[in-house]
Amino acid sequence: MVNSIVNYGVSIIWGNNDWLIASNPWYGLLMFVLIGAGLYFTIATRFIQFRHFGHMWQLLRVSNQGRKDGGISSFEALMTSLAARVGTGNLAGVAIAIYLGGPGAVFWM
């Protein structure tokens, strides 16, 4: 009973062959929510990620205030954040490959 309820909830969030778009398991509710939220925040902030792109690079190039205070610079903070994201993505990618294709999927090129 509980298993069928959980499976139904998962199928609504992630999608399956019986809900929303037939025979395409990658279009679930979650994809529409994420895309909608991205568009909403882009419009609500008036495209700030595009308007201030040059300013971001300027700050990364010249900002050493964190170093003077005994902390880290903006560039070092960015690199630490990127390293954490890429590392997590690598771990998740290997886990998904093993789940979907077995241990041999990790070594397949």
PDB file of N, CA and C in Angstrom:
ATOM      1  N   MET A   1       0.825  -1.197   0.000  1.00  0.00           N
ATOM      2  CA  MET A   1       0.000   0.000   0.000  1.00  0.00           C
ATOM      3  C   MET A   1       0.868   1.260   0.000  1.00  0.00           C
ATOM      4  N   VAL A   2       1.786   1.351   0.948  1.00  0.00           N
ATOM      5  CA  VAL A   2       2.655   2.516   1.044  1.00  0.00           C
ATOM      6  C   VAL A   2       3.561   2.596  -0.180  1.00  0.00           C
ATOM      7  N   ASN A   3       4.034   1.442  -0.639  1.00  0.00           N
ATOM      8  CA  ASN A   3       4.906   1.409  -1.803  1.00  0.00           C
ATOM      9  C   ASN A   3       4.210   1.974  -3.041  1.00  0.00           C
ATOM     10  N   SER A   4       2.957   1.663  -3.234  1.00  0.00           N
ATOM     11  CA  SER A   4       2.235   2.174  -4.400  1.00  0.00           C
ATOM     12  C   SER A   4       2.016   3.685  -4.294  1.00  0.00           C
ATOM     13  N   ILE A   5       1.794   4.187  -3.091  1.00  0.00           N
ATOM     14  CA  ILE A   5       1.632   5.631  -2.903  1.00  0.00           C
ATOM     15  C   ILE A   5       2.942   6.361  -3.200  1.00  0.00           C
ATOM     16  N   VAL A   6       4.037   5.821  -2.691  1.00  0.00           N
ATOM     17  CA  VAL A   6       5.346   6.432  -2.936  1.00  0.00           C
ATOM     18  C   VAL A   6       5.684   6.388  -4.420  1.00  0.00           C
ATOM     19  N   ASN A   7       5.434   5.274  -5.072  1.00  0.00           N
ATOM     20  CA  ASN A   7       5.706   5.165  -6.511  1.00  0.00           C
ATOM     21  C   ASN A   7       4.878   6.150  -7.320  1.00  0.00           C
ATOM     22  N   TYR A   8       3.634   6.376  -6.907  1.00  0.00           N
ATOM     23  CA  TYR A   8       2.789   7.345  -7.600  1.00  0.00           C
ATOM     24  C   TYR A   8       3.344   8.761  -7.433  1.00  0.00           C
ATOM     25  N   GLY A   9       3.767   9.100  -6.219  1.00  0.00           N
ATOM     26  CA  GLY A   9       4.356  10.416  -5.982  1.00  0.00           C
ATOM     27  C   GLY A   9       5.630  10.620  -6.768  1.00  0.00           C
ATOM     28  N   VAL A  10       6.470   9.600  -6.820  1.00  0.00           N
ATOM     29  CA  VAL A  10       7.710   9.674  -7.597  1.00  0.00           C
ATOM     30  C   VAL A  10       7.408   9.846  -9.078  1.00  0.00           C
ATOM     31  N   SER A  11       6.392   9.157  -9.570  1.00  0.00           N
ATOM     32  CA  SER A  11       6.051   9.272 -10.991  1.00  0.00           C
ATOM     33  C   SER A  11       5.539  10.667 -11.334  1.00  0.00           C
ATOM     34  N   ILE A  12       4.870  11.320 -10.398  1.00  0.00           N
ATOM     35  CA  ILE A  12       4.406  12.684 -10.659  1.00  0.00           C
ATOM     36  C   ILE A  12       5.586  13.650 -10.681  1.00  0.00           C
ATOM     37  N   ILE A  13       6.513  13.502  -9.739  1.00  0.00           N
ATOM     38  CA  ILE A  13       7.643  14.423  -9.654  1.00  0.00           C
ATOM     39  C   ILE A  13       8.624  14.200 -10.792  1.00  0.00           C
ATOM     40  N   TRP A  14       9.046  12.968 -11.010  1.00  0.00           N
ATOM     41  CA  TRP A  14      10.088  12.682 -11.986  1.00  0.00           C
ATOM     42  C   TRP A  14       9.543  12.301 -13.350  1.00  0.00           C
ATOM     43  N   GLY A  15       8.314  11.858 -13.414  1.00  0.00           N
ATOM     44  CA  GLY A  15       7.712  11.468 -14.683  1.00  0.00           C
ATOM     45  C   GLY A  15       7.881   9.992 -14.964  1.00  0.00           C
ATOM     46  N   ASN A  16       6.982   9.450 -15.730  1.00  0.00           N
ATOM     47  CA  ASN A  16       7.082   8.068 -16.197  1.00  0.00           C
ATOM     48  C   ASN A  16       6.272   7.951 -17.476  1.00  0.00           C
ATOM     49  N   ASN A  17       6.082   6.751 -17.951  1.00  0.00           N
ATOM     50  CA  ASN A  17       5.382   6.559 -19.222  1.00  0.00           C
ATOM     51  C   ASN A  17       3.879   6.768 -19.134  1.00  0.00           C
ATOM     52  N   ASP A  18       3.331   6.830 -17.929  1.00  0.00           N
ATOM     53  CA  ASP A  18       1.877   6.913 -17.785  1.00  0.00           C
ATOM     54  C   ASP A  18       1.384   8.308 -17.420  1.00  0.00           C
ATOM     55  N   TRP A  19       2.273   9.252 -17.194  1.00  0.00           N
ATOM     56  CA  TRP A  19       1.832  10.550 -16.700  1.00  0.00           C
ATOM     57  C   TRP A  19       2.429  11.659 -17.531  1.00  0.00           C
ATOM     58  N   LEU A  20       1.658  12.596 -17.915  1.00  0.00           N
ATOM     59  CA  LEU A  20       2.021  13.829 -18.578  1.00  0.00           C
ATOM     60  C   LEU A  20       2.389  13.641 -20.045  1.00  0.00           C
ATOM     61  N   ILE A  21       3.526  13.051 -20.367  1.00  0.00           N
ATOM     62  CA  ILE A  21       3.938  12.878 -21.750  1.00  0.00           C
ATOM     63  C   ILE A  21       4.236  11.402 -21.963  1.00  0.00           C
ATOM     64  N   ALA A  22       3.493  10.775 -22.819  1.00  0.00           N
ATOM     65  CA  ALA A  22       3.618   9.340 -23.021  1.00  0.00           C
ATOM     66  C   ALA A  22       4.996   8.978 -23.570  1.00  0.00           C
ATOM     67  N   SER A  23       5.544   7.908 -23.086  1.00  0.00           N
ATOM     68  CA  SER A  23       6.784   7.280 -23.519  1.00  0.00           C
ATOM     69  C   SER A  23       8.023   8.169 -23.398  1.00  0.00           C
ATOM     70  N   ASN A  24       7.978   9.170 -22.542  1.00  0.00           N
ATOM     71  CA  ASN A  24       9.170   9.979 -22.290  1.00  0.00           C
ATOM     72  C   ASN A  24       9.314  10.160 -20.786  1.00  0.00           C
ATOM     73  N   PRO A  25      10.179   9.388 -20.141  1.00  0.00           N
ATOM     74  CA  PRO A  25      10.263   9.410 -18.678  1.00  0.00           C
ATOM     75  C   PRO A  25      10.973  10.622 -18.102  1.00  0.00           C
ATOM     76  N   TRP A  26      11.508  11.519 -18.916  1.00  0.00           N
ATOM     77  CA  TRP A  26      12.302  12.626 -18.381  1.00  0.00           C
ATOM     78  C   TRP A  26      11.506  13.906 -18.179  1.00  0.00           C
ATOM     79  N   TYR A  27      10.233  13.929 -18.514  1.00  0.00           N
ATOM     80  CA  TYR A  27       9.442  15.137 -18.335  1.00  0.00           C
ATOM     81  C   TYR A  27       8.448  14.930 -17.210  1.00  0.00           C
ATOM     82  N   GLY A  28       8.847  15.237 -16.027  1.00  0.00           N
ATOM     83  CA  GLY A  28       7.963  15.178 -14.884  1.00  0.00           C
ATOM     84  C   GLY A  28       7.666  16.578 -14.395  1.00  0.00           C
ATOM     85  N   LEU A  29       6.960  16.667 -13.328  1.00  0.00           N
ATOM     86  CA  LEU A  29       6.581  17.940 -12.743  1.00  0.00           C
ATOM     87  C   LEU A  29       7.801  18.729 -12.298  1.00  0.00           C
ATOM     88  N   LEU A  30       8.830  18.051 -11.814  1.00  0.00           N
ATOM     89  CA  LEU A  30      10.013  18.730 -11.300  1.00  0.00           C
ATOM     90  C   LEU A  30      10.685  19.578 -12.371  1.00  0.00           C
ATOM     91  N   MET A  31      10.761  19.089 -13.591  1.00  0.00           N
ATOM     92  CA  MET A  31      11.418  19.850 -14.656  1.00  0.00           C
ATOM     93  C   MET A  31      10.677  21.154 -14.939  1.00  0.00           C
ATOM     94  N   PHE A  32       9.360  21.104 -14.972  1.00  0.00           N
ATOM     95  CA  PHE A  32       8.578  22.309 -15.222  1.00  0.00           C
ATOM     96  C   PHE A  32       8.700  23.290 -14.065  1.00  0.00           C
ATOM     97  N   VAL A  33       8.750  22.799 -12.838  1.00  0.00           N
ATOM     98  CA  VAL A  33       8.894  23.671 -11.676  1.00  0.00           C
ATOM     99  C   VAL A  33      10.259  24.358 -11.695  1.00  0.00           C
ATOM    100  N   LEU A  34      11.321  23.613 -11.985  1.00  0.00           N
ATOM    101  CA  LEU A  34      12.658  24.200 -12.005  1.00  0.00           C
ATOM    102  C   LEU A  34      12.805  25.235 -13.119  1.00  0.00           C
ATOM    103  N   ILE A  35      12.314  24.933 -14.297  1.00  0.00           N
ATOM    104  CA  ILE A  35      12.392  25.892 -15.396  1.00  0.00           C
ATOM    105  C   ILE A  35      11.544  27.121 -15.096  1.00  0.00           C
ATOM    106  N   GLY A  36      10.364  26.913 -14.561  1.00  0.00           N
ATOM    107  CA  GLY A  36       9.496  28.034 -14.193  1.00  0.00           C
ATOM    108  C   GLY A  36      10.116  28.915 -13.126  1.00  0.00           C
ATOM    109  N   ALA A  37      10.735  28.308 -12.111  1.00  0.00           N
ATOM    110  CA  ALA A  37      11.379  29.091 -11.058  1.00  0.00           C
ATOM    111  C   ALA A  37      12.554  29.877 -11.616  1.00  0.00           C
ATOM    112  N   GLY A  38      13.333  29.264 -12.507  1.00  0.00           N
ATOM    113  CA  GLY A  38      14.450  29.969 -13.125  1.00  0.00           C
ATOM    114  C   GLY A  38      13.993  31.178 -13.926  1.00  0.00           C
ATOM    115  N   LEU A  39      12.941  31.002 -14.718  1.00  0.00           N
ATOM    116  CA  LEU A  39      12.413  32.124 -15.485  1.00  0.00           C
ATOM    117  C   LEU A  39      11.840  33.205 -14.581  1.00  0.00           C
ATOM    118  N   TYR A  40      11.124  32.802 -13.526  1.00  0.00           N
ATOM    119  CA  TYR A  40      10.545  33.771 -12.599  1.00  0.00           C
ATOM    120  C   TYR A  40      11.619  34.627 -11.943  1.00  0.00           C
ATOM    121  N   PHE A  41      12.663  33.981 -11.413  1.00  0.00           N
ATOM    122  CA  PHE A  41      13.707  34.743 -10.725  1.00  0.00           C
ATOM    123  C   PHE A  41      14.542  35.567 -11.695  1.00  0.00           C
ATOM    124  N   THR A  42      14.700  35.103 -12.923  1.00  0.00           N
ATOM    125  CA  THR A  42      15.410  35.895 -13.922  1.00  0.00           C
ATOM    126  C   THR A  42      14.649  37.176 -14.222  1.00  0.00           C
ATOM    127  N   ILE A  43      13.347  37.077 -14.389  1.00  0.00           N
ATOM    128  CA  ILE A  43      12.530  38.257 -14.675  1.00  0.00           C
ATOM    129  C   ILE A  43      12.395  39.133 -13.438  1.00  0.00           C
ATOM    130  N   ALA A  44      12.212  38.526 -12.258  1.00  0.00           N
ATOM    131  CA  ALA A  44      12.048  39.298 -11.021  1.00  0.00           C
ATOM    132  C   ALA A  44      13.296  40.108 -10.684  1.00  0.00           C
ATOM    133  N   THR A  45      14.472  39.588 -11.000  1.00  0.00           N
ATOM    134  CA  THR A  45      15.714  40.314 -10.732  1.00  0.00           C
ATOM    135  C   THR A  45      16.172  41.118 -11.936  1.00  0.00           C
ATOM    136  N   ARG A  46      15.330  41.223 -12.938  1.00  0.00           N
ATOM    137  CA  ARG A  46      15.587  41.984 -14.163  1.00  0.00           C
ATOM    138  C   ARG A  46      16.890  41.549 -14.827  1.00  0.00           C
ATOM    139  N   PHE A  47      17.058  40.227 -14.983  1.00  0.00           N
ATOM    140  CA  PHE A  47      18.184  39.637 -15.716  1.00  0.00           C
ATOM    141  C   PHE A  47      19.536  40.039 -15.121  1.00  0.00           C
ATOM    142  N   ILE A  48      19.618  39.989 -13.796  1.00  0.00           N
ATOM    143  CA  ILE A  48      20.837  40.437 -13.117  1.00  0.00           C
ATOM    144  C   ILE A  48      22.051  39.604 -13.503  1.00  0.00           C
ATOM    145  N   GLN A  49      21.859  38.331 -13.810  1.00  0.00           N
ATOM    146  CA  GLN A  49      23.006  37.491 -14.164  1.00  0.00           C
ATOM    147  C   GLN A  49      23.613  37.903 -15.491  1.00  0.00           C
ATOM    148  N   PHE A  50      22.873  38.584 -16.331  1.00  0.00           N
ATOM    149  CA  PHE A  50      23.400  39.078 -17.598  1.00  0.00           C
ATOM    150  C   PHE A  50      23.878  40.522 -17.486  1.00  0.00           C
ATOM    151  N   ARG A  51      23.141  41.351 -16.728  1.00  0.00           N
ATOM    152  CA  ARG A  51      23.489  42.762 -16.610  1.00  0.00           C
ATOM    153  C   ARG A  51      24.813  42.978 -15.886  1.00  0.00           C
ATOM    154  N   HIS A  52      25.112  42.167 -14.897  1.00  0.00           N
ATOM    155  CA  HIS A  52      26.299  42.387 -14.078  1.00  0.00           C
ATOM    156  C   HIS A  52      27.406  41.377 -14.347  1.00  0.00           C
ATOM    157  N   PHE A  53      27.409  40.775 -15.514  1.00  0.00           N
ATOM    158  CA  PHE A  53      28.416  39.773 -15.838  1.00  0.00           C
ATOM    159  C   PHE A  53      29.824  40.380 -15.861  1.00  0.00           C
ATOM    160  N   GLY A  54      29.986  41.522 -16.496  1.00  0.00           N
ATOM    161  CA  GLY A  54      31.283  42.186 -16.551  1.00  0.00           C
ATOM    162  C   GLY A  54      31.758  42.637 -15.180  1.00  0.00           C
ATOM    163  N   HIS A  55      30.849  43.148 -14.377  1.00  0.00           N
ATOM    164  CA  HIS A  55      31.194  43.585 -13.024  1.00  0.00           C
ATOM    165  C   HIS A  55      31.686  42.405 -12.184  1.00  0.00           C
ATOM    166  N   MET A  56      31.087  41.240 -12.381  1.00  0.00           N
ATOM    167  CA  MET A  56      31.511  40.047 -11.654  1.00  0.00           C
ATOM    168  C   MET A  56      32.967  39.716 -11.960  1.00  0.00           C
ATOM    169  N   TRP A  57      33.345  39.740 -13.233  1.00  0.00           N
ATOM    170  CA  TRP A  57      34.728  39.426 -13.610  1.00  0.00           C
ATOM    171  C   TRP A  57      35.696  40.475 -13.093  1.00  0.00           C
ATOM    172  N   GLN A  58      35.254  41.728 -13.070  1.00  0.00           N
ATOM    173  CA  GLN A  58      36.105  42.793 -12.540  1.00  0.00           C
ATOM    174  C   GLN A  58      36.368  42.573 -11.054  1.00  0.00           C
ATOM    175  N   LEU A  59      35.365  42.198 -10.305  1.00  0.00           N
ATOM    176  CA  LEU A  59      35.548  41.941  -8.878  1.00  0.00           C
ATOM    177  C   LEU A  59      36.452  40.744  -8.634  1.00  0.00           C
ATOM    178  N   LEU A  60      36.323  39.723  -9.453  1.00  0.00           N
ATOM    179  CA  LEU A  60      37.186  38.555  -9.287  1.00  0.00           C
ATOM    180  C   LEU A  60      38.648  38.896  -9.564  1.00  0.00           C
ATOM    181  N   ARG A  61      38.874  39.808 -10.472  1.00  0.00           N
ATOM    182  CA  ARG A  61      40.230  40.148 -10.856  1.00  0.00           C
ATOM    183  C   ARG A  61      40.923  41.044  -9.829  1.00  0.00           C
ATOM    184  N   VAL A  62      40.205  41.965  -9.229  1.00  0.00           N
ATOM    185  CA  VAL A  62      40.858  42.978  -8.391  1.00  0.00           C
ATOM    186  C   VAL A  62      40.599  42.831  -6.898  1.00  0.00           C
ATOM    187  N   SER A  63      39.690  41.987  -6.486  1.00  0.00           N
ATOM    188  CA  SER A  63      39.313  41.927  -5.078  1.00  0.00           C
ATOM    189  C   SER A  63      40.288  41.073  -4.274  1.00  0.00           C
ATOM    190  N   ASN A  64      41.003  41.707  -3.351  1.00  0.00           N
ATOM    191  CA  ASN A  64      41.880  41.007  -2.423  1.00  0.00           C
ATOM    192  C   ASN A  64      41.569  41.400  -0.986  1.00  0.00           C
ATOM    193  N   GLN A  65      40.397  41.958  -0.744  1.00  0.00           N
ATOM    194  CA  GLN A  65      40.018  42.417   0.594  1.00  0.00           C
ATOM    195  C   GLN A  65      40.012  41.266   1.587  1.00  0.00           C
ATOM    196  N   GLY A  66      39.571  40.102   1.182  1.00  0.00           N
ATOM    197  CA  GLY A  66      39.539  38.953   2.087  1.00  0.00           C
ATOM    198  C   GLY A  66      40.933  38.547   2.537  1.00  0.00           C
ATOM    199  N   ARG A  67      41.900  38.688   1.661  1.00  0.00           N
ATOM    200  CA  ARG A  67      43.296  38.352   2.003  1.00  0.00           C
ATOM    201  C   ARG A  67      43.833  39.286   3.085  1.00  0.00           C
ATOM    202  N   LYS A  68      43.509  40.556   2.988  1.00  0.00           N
ATOM    203  CA  LYS A  68      44.008  41.536   3.957  1.00  0.00           C
ATOM    204  C   LYS A  68      43.443  41.289   5.346  1.00  0.00           C
ATOM    205  N   ASP A  69      42.226  40.780   5.404  1.00  0.00           N
ATOM    206  CA  ASP A  69      41.574  40.526   6.684  1.00  0.00           C
ATOM    207  C   ASP A  69      41.860  39.134   7.224  1.00  0.00           C
ATOM    208  N   GLY A  70      42.723  38.383   6.580  1.00  0.00           N
ATOM    209  CA  GLY A  70      43.039  37.036   7.032  1.00  0.00           C
ATOM    210  C   GLY A  70      42.105  35.977   6.469  1.00  0.00           C
ATOM    211  N   GLY A  71      41.232  36.352   5.527  1.00  0.00           N
ATOM    212  CA  GLY A  71      40.304  35.412   4.922  1.00  0.00           C
ATOM    213  C   GLY A  71      40.780  34.977   3.551  1.00  0.00           C
ATOM    214  N   ILE A  72      39.839  34.749   2.663  1.00  0.00           N
ATOM    215  CA  ILE A  72      40.178  34.340   1.303  1.00  0.00           C
ATOM    216  C   ILE A  72      39.648  35.378   0.324  1.00  0.00           C
ATOM    217  N   SER A  73      40.253  35.439  -0.833  1.00  0.00           N
ATOM    218  CA  SER A  73      39.831  36.403  -1.849  1.00  0.00           C
ATOM    219  C   SER A  73      38.557  35.907  -2.541  1.00  0.00           C
ATOM    220  N   SER A  74      37.972  36.771  -3.339  1.00  0.00           N
ATOM    221  CA  SER A  74      36.768  36.397  -4.090  1.00  0.00           C
ATOM    222  C   SER A  74      37.053  35.246  -5.046  1.00  0.00           C
ATOM    223  N   PHE A  75      38.208  35.287  -5.689  1.00  0.00           N
ATOM    224  CA  PHE A  75      38.576  34.223  -6.613  1.00  0.00           C
ATOM    225  C   PHE A  75      38.720  32.889  -5.888  1.00  0.00           C
ATOM    226  N   GLU A  76      39.347  32.891  -4.739  1.00  0.00           N
ATOM    227  CA  GLU A  76      39.499  31.652  -3.970  1.00  0.00           C
ATOM    228  C   GLU A  76      38.148  31.118  -3.495  1.00  0.00           C
ATOM    229  N   ALA A  77      37.236  32.012  -3.127  1.00  0.00           N
ATOM    230  CA  ALA A  77      35.888  31.588  -2.729  1.00  0.00           C
ATOM    231  C   ALA A  77      35.152  30.955  -3.908  1.00  0.00           C
ATOM    232  N   LEU A  78      35.289  31.552  -5.089  1.00  0.00           N
ATOM    233  CA  LEU A  78      34.654  30.998  -6.284  1.00  0.00           C
ATOM    234  C   LEU A  78      35.217  29.624  -6.611  1.00  0.00           C
ATOM    235  N   MET A  79      36.526  29.477  -6.562  1.00  0.00           N
ATOM    236  CA  MET A  79      37.145  28.191  -6.882  1.00  0.00           C
ATOM    237  C   MET A  79      36.762  27.111  -5.865  1.00  0.00           C
ATOM    238  N   THR A  80      36.652  27.481  -4.597  1.00  0.00           N
ATOM    239  CA  THR A  80      36.223  26.522  -3.573  1.00  0.00           C
ATOM    240  C   THR A  80      34.792  26.068  -3.840  1.00  0.00           C
ATOM    241  N   SER A  81      33.930  27.005  -4.185  1.00  0.00           N
ATOM    242  CA  SER A  81      32.539  26.667  -4.492  1.00  0.00           C
ATOM    243  C   SER A  81      32.441  25.775  -5.724  1.00  0.00           C
ATOM    244  N   LEU A  82      33.198  26.112  -6.774  1.00  0.00           N
ATOM    245  CA  LEU A  82      33.182  25.288  -7.981  1.00  0.00           C
ATOM    246  C   LEU A  82      33.713  23.887  -7.711  1.00  0.00           C
ATOM    247  N   ALA A  83      34.770  23.780  -6.911  1.00  0.00           N
ATOM    248  CA  ALA A  83      35.326  22.468  -6.590  1.00  0.00           C
ATOM    249  C   ALA A  83      34.306  21.606  -5.854  1.00  0.00           C
ATOM    250  N   ALA A  84      33.558  22.210  -4.941  1.00  0.00           N
ATOM    251  CA  ALA A  84      32.547  21.453  -4.210  1.00  0.00           C
ATOM    252  C   ALA A  84      31.439  20.974  -5.145  1.00  0.00           C
ATOM    253  N   ARG A  85      31.021  21.833  -6.071  1.00  0.00           N
ATOM    254  CA  ARG A  85      29.944  21.461  -6.994  1.00  0.00           C
ATOM    255  C   ARG A  85      30.384  20.393  -7.981  1.00  0.00           C
ATOM    256  N   VAL A  86      31.583  20.547  -8.529  1.00  0.00           N
ATOM    257  CA  VAL A  86      32.073  19.566  -9.494  1.00  0.00           C
ATOM    258  C   VAL A  86      32.314  18.224  -8.809  1.00  0.00           C
ATOM    259  N   GLY A  87      32.871  18.247  -7.618  1.00  0.00           N
ATOM    260  CA  GLY A  87      33.107  17.000  -6.886  1.00  0.00           C
ATOM    261  C   GLY A  87      31.817  16.270  -6.580  1.00  0.00           C
ATOM    262  N   THR A  88      30.800  17.008  -6.149  1.00  0.00           N
ATOM    263  CA  THR A  88      29.505  16.390  -5.866  1.00  0.00           C
ATOM    264  C   THR A  88      28.892  15.825  -7.139  1.00  0.00           C
ATOM    265  N   GLY A  89      29.025  16.552  -8.246  1.00  0.00           N
ATOM    266  CA  GLY A  89      28.505  16.063  -9.527  1.00  0.00           C
ATOM    267  C   GLY A  89      29.198  14.794  -9.980  1.00  0.00           C
ATOM    268  N   ASN A  90      30.490  14.705  -9.765  1.00  0.00           N
ATOM    269  CA  ASN A  90      31.215  13.492 -10.131  1.00  0.00           C
ATOM    270  C   ASN A  90      30.756  12.305  -9.305  1.00  0.00           C
ATOM    271  N   LEU A  91      30.584  12.514  -8.018  1.00  0.00           N
ATOM    272  CA  LEU A  91      30.115  11.417  -7.158  1.00  0.00           C
ATOM    273  C   LEU A  91      28.710  10.975  -7.549  1.00  0.00           C
ATOM    274  N   ALA A  92      27.835  11.940  -7.779  1.00  0.00           N
ATOM    275  CA  ALA A  92      26.462  11.604  -8.157  1.00  0.00           C
ATOM    276  C   ALA A  92      26.428  10.928  -9.524  1.00  0.00           C
ATOM    277  N   GLY A  93      27.266  11.388 -10.456  1.00  0.00           N
ATOM    278  CA  GLY A  93      27.301  10.783 -11.786  1.00  0.00           C
ATOM    279  C   GLY A  93      27.734   9.332 -11.748  1.00  0.00           C
ATOM    280  N   VAL A  94      28.737   9.020 -10.945  1.00  0.00           N
ATOM    281  CA  VAL A  94      29.196   7.635 -10.819  1.00  0.00           C
ATOM    282  C   VAL A  94      28.110   6.783 -10.168  1.00  0.00           C
ATOM    283  N   ALA A  95      27.464   7.323  -9.137  1.00  0.00           N
ATOM    284  CA  ALA A  95      26.403   6.566  -8.464  1.00  0.00           C
ATOM    285  C   ALA A  95      25.254   6.263  -9.416  1.00  0.00           C
ATOM    286  N   ILE A  96      24.864   7.223 -10.217  1.00  0.00           N
ATOM    287  CA  ILE A  96      23.772   7.005 -11.179  1.00  0.00           C
ATOM    288  C   ILE A  96      24.197   6.013 -12.254  1.00  0.00           C
ATOM    289  N   ALA A  97      25.449   6.107 -12.713  1.00  0.00           N
ATOM    290  CA  ALA A  97      25.938   5.160 -13.726  1.00  0.00           C
ATOM    291  C   ALA A  97      25.915   3.739 -13.188  1.00  0.00           C
ATOM    292  N   ILE A  98      26.338   3.557 -11.960  1.00  0.00           N
ATOM    293  CA  ILE A  98      26.322   2.212 -11.364  1.00  0.00           C
ATOM    294  C   ILE A  98      24.890   1.723 -11.206  1.00  0.00           C
ATOM    295  N   TYR A  99      23.996   2.608 -10.790  1.00  0.00           N
ATOM    296  CA  TYR A  99      22.603   2.220 -10.605  1.00  0.00           C
ATOM    297  C   TYR A  99      21.952   1.821 -11.926  1.00  0.00           C
ATOM    298  N   LEU A 100      22.184   2.614 -12.973  1.00  0.00           N
ATOM    299  CA  LEU A 100      21.530   2.348 -14.245  1.00  0.00           C
ATOM    300  C   LEU A 100      22.183   1.248 -15.066  1.00  0.00           C
ATOM    301  N   GLY A 101      23.512   1.153 -14.999  1.00  0.00           N
ATOM    302  CA  GLY A 101      24.185   0.211 -15.882  1.00  0.00           C
ATOM    303  C   GLY A 101      25.044  -0.830 -15.206  1.00  0.00           C
ATOM    304  N   GLY A 102      25.091  -0.842 -13.884  1.00  0.00           N
ATOM    305  CA  GLY A 102      25.922  -1.804 -13.189  1.00  0.00           C
ATOM    306  C   GLY A 102      27.355  -1.280 -13.073  1.00  0.00           C
ATOM    307  N   PRO A 103      28.204  -2.017 -12.388  1.00  0.00           N
ATOM    308  CA  PRO A 103      29.571  -1.567 -12.171  1.00  0.00           C
ATOM    309  C   PRO A 103      30.364  -1.356 -13.454  1.00  0.00           C
ATOM    310  N   GLY A 104      30.056  -2.075 -14.513  1.00  0.00           N
ATOM    311  CA  GLY A 104      30.769  -1.915 -15.768  1.00  0.00           C
ATOM    312  C   GLY A 104      30.514  -0.572 -16.431  1.00  0.00           C
ATOM    313  N   ALA A 105      29.434   0.120 -16.069  1.00  0.00           N
ATOM    314  CA  ALA A 105      29.115   1.418 -16.677  1.00  0.00           C
ATOM    315  C   ALA A 105      30.126   2.485 -16.324  1.00  0.00           C
ATOM    316  N   VAL A 106      30.835   2.338 -15.212  1.00  0.00           N
ATOM    317  CA  VAL A 106      31.813   3.325 -14.811  1.00  0.00           C
ATOM    318  C   VAL A 106      33.021   3.299 -15.735  1.00  0.00           C
ATOM    319  N   PHE A 107      33.358   2.151 -16.255  1.00  0.00           N
ATOM    320  CA  PHE A 107      34.553   2.015 -17.079  1.00  0.00           C
ATOM    321  C   PHE A 107      34.261   2.058 -18.566  1.00  0.00           C
ATOM    322  N   TRP A 108      33.011   2.185 -18.956  1.00  0.00           N
ATOM    323  CA  TRP A 108      32.631   2.238 -20.362  1.00  0.00           C
ATOM    324  C   TRP A 108      32.915   3.629 -20.907  1.00  0.00           C
ATOM    325  N   MET A 109      33.484   3.688 -22.103  1.00  0.00           N
ATOM    326  CA  MET A 109      33.808   5.009 -22.662  1.00  0.00           C
ATOM    327  C   MET A 109      32.973   5.319 -23.854  1.00  0.00           C
TER     328      MET A 109
END
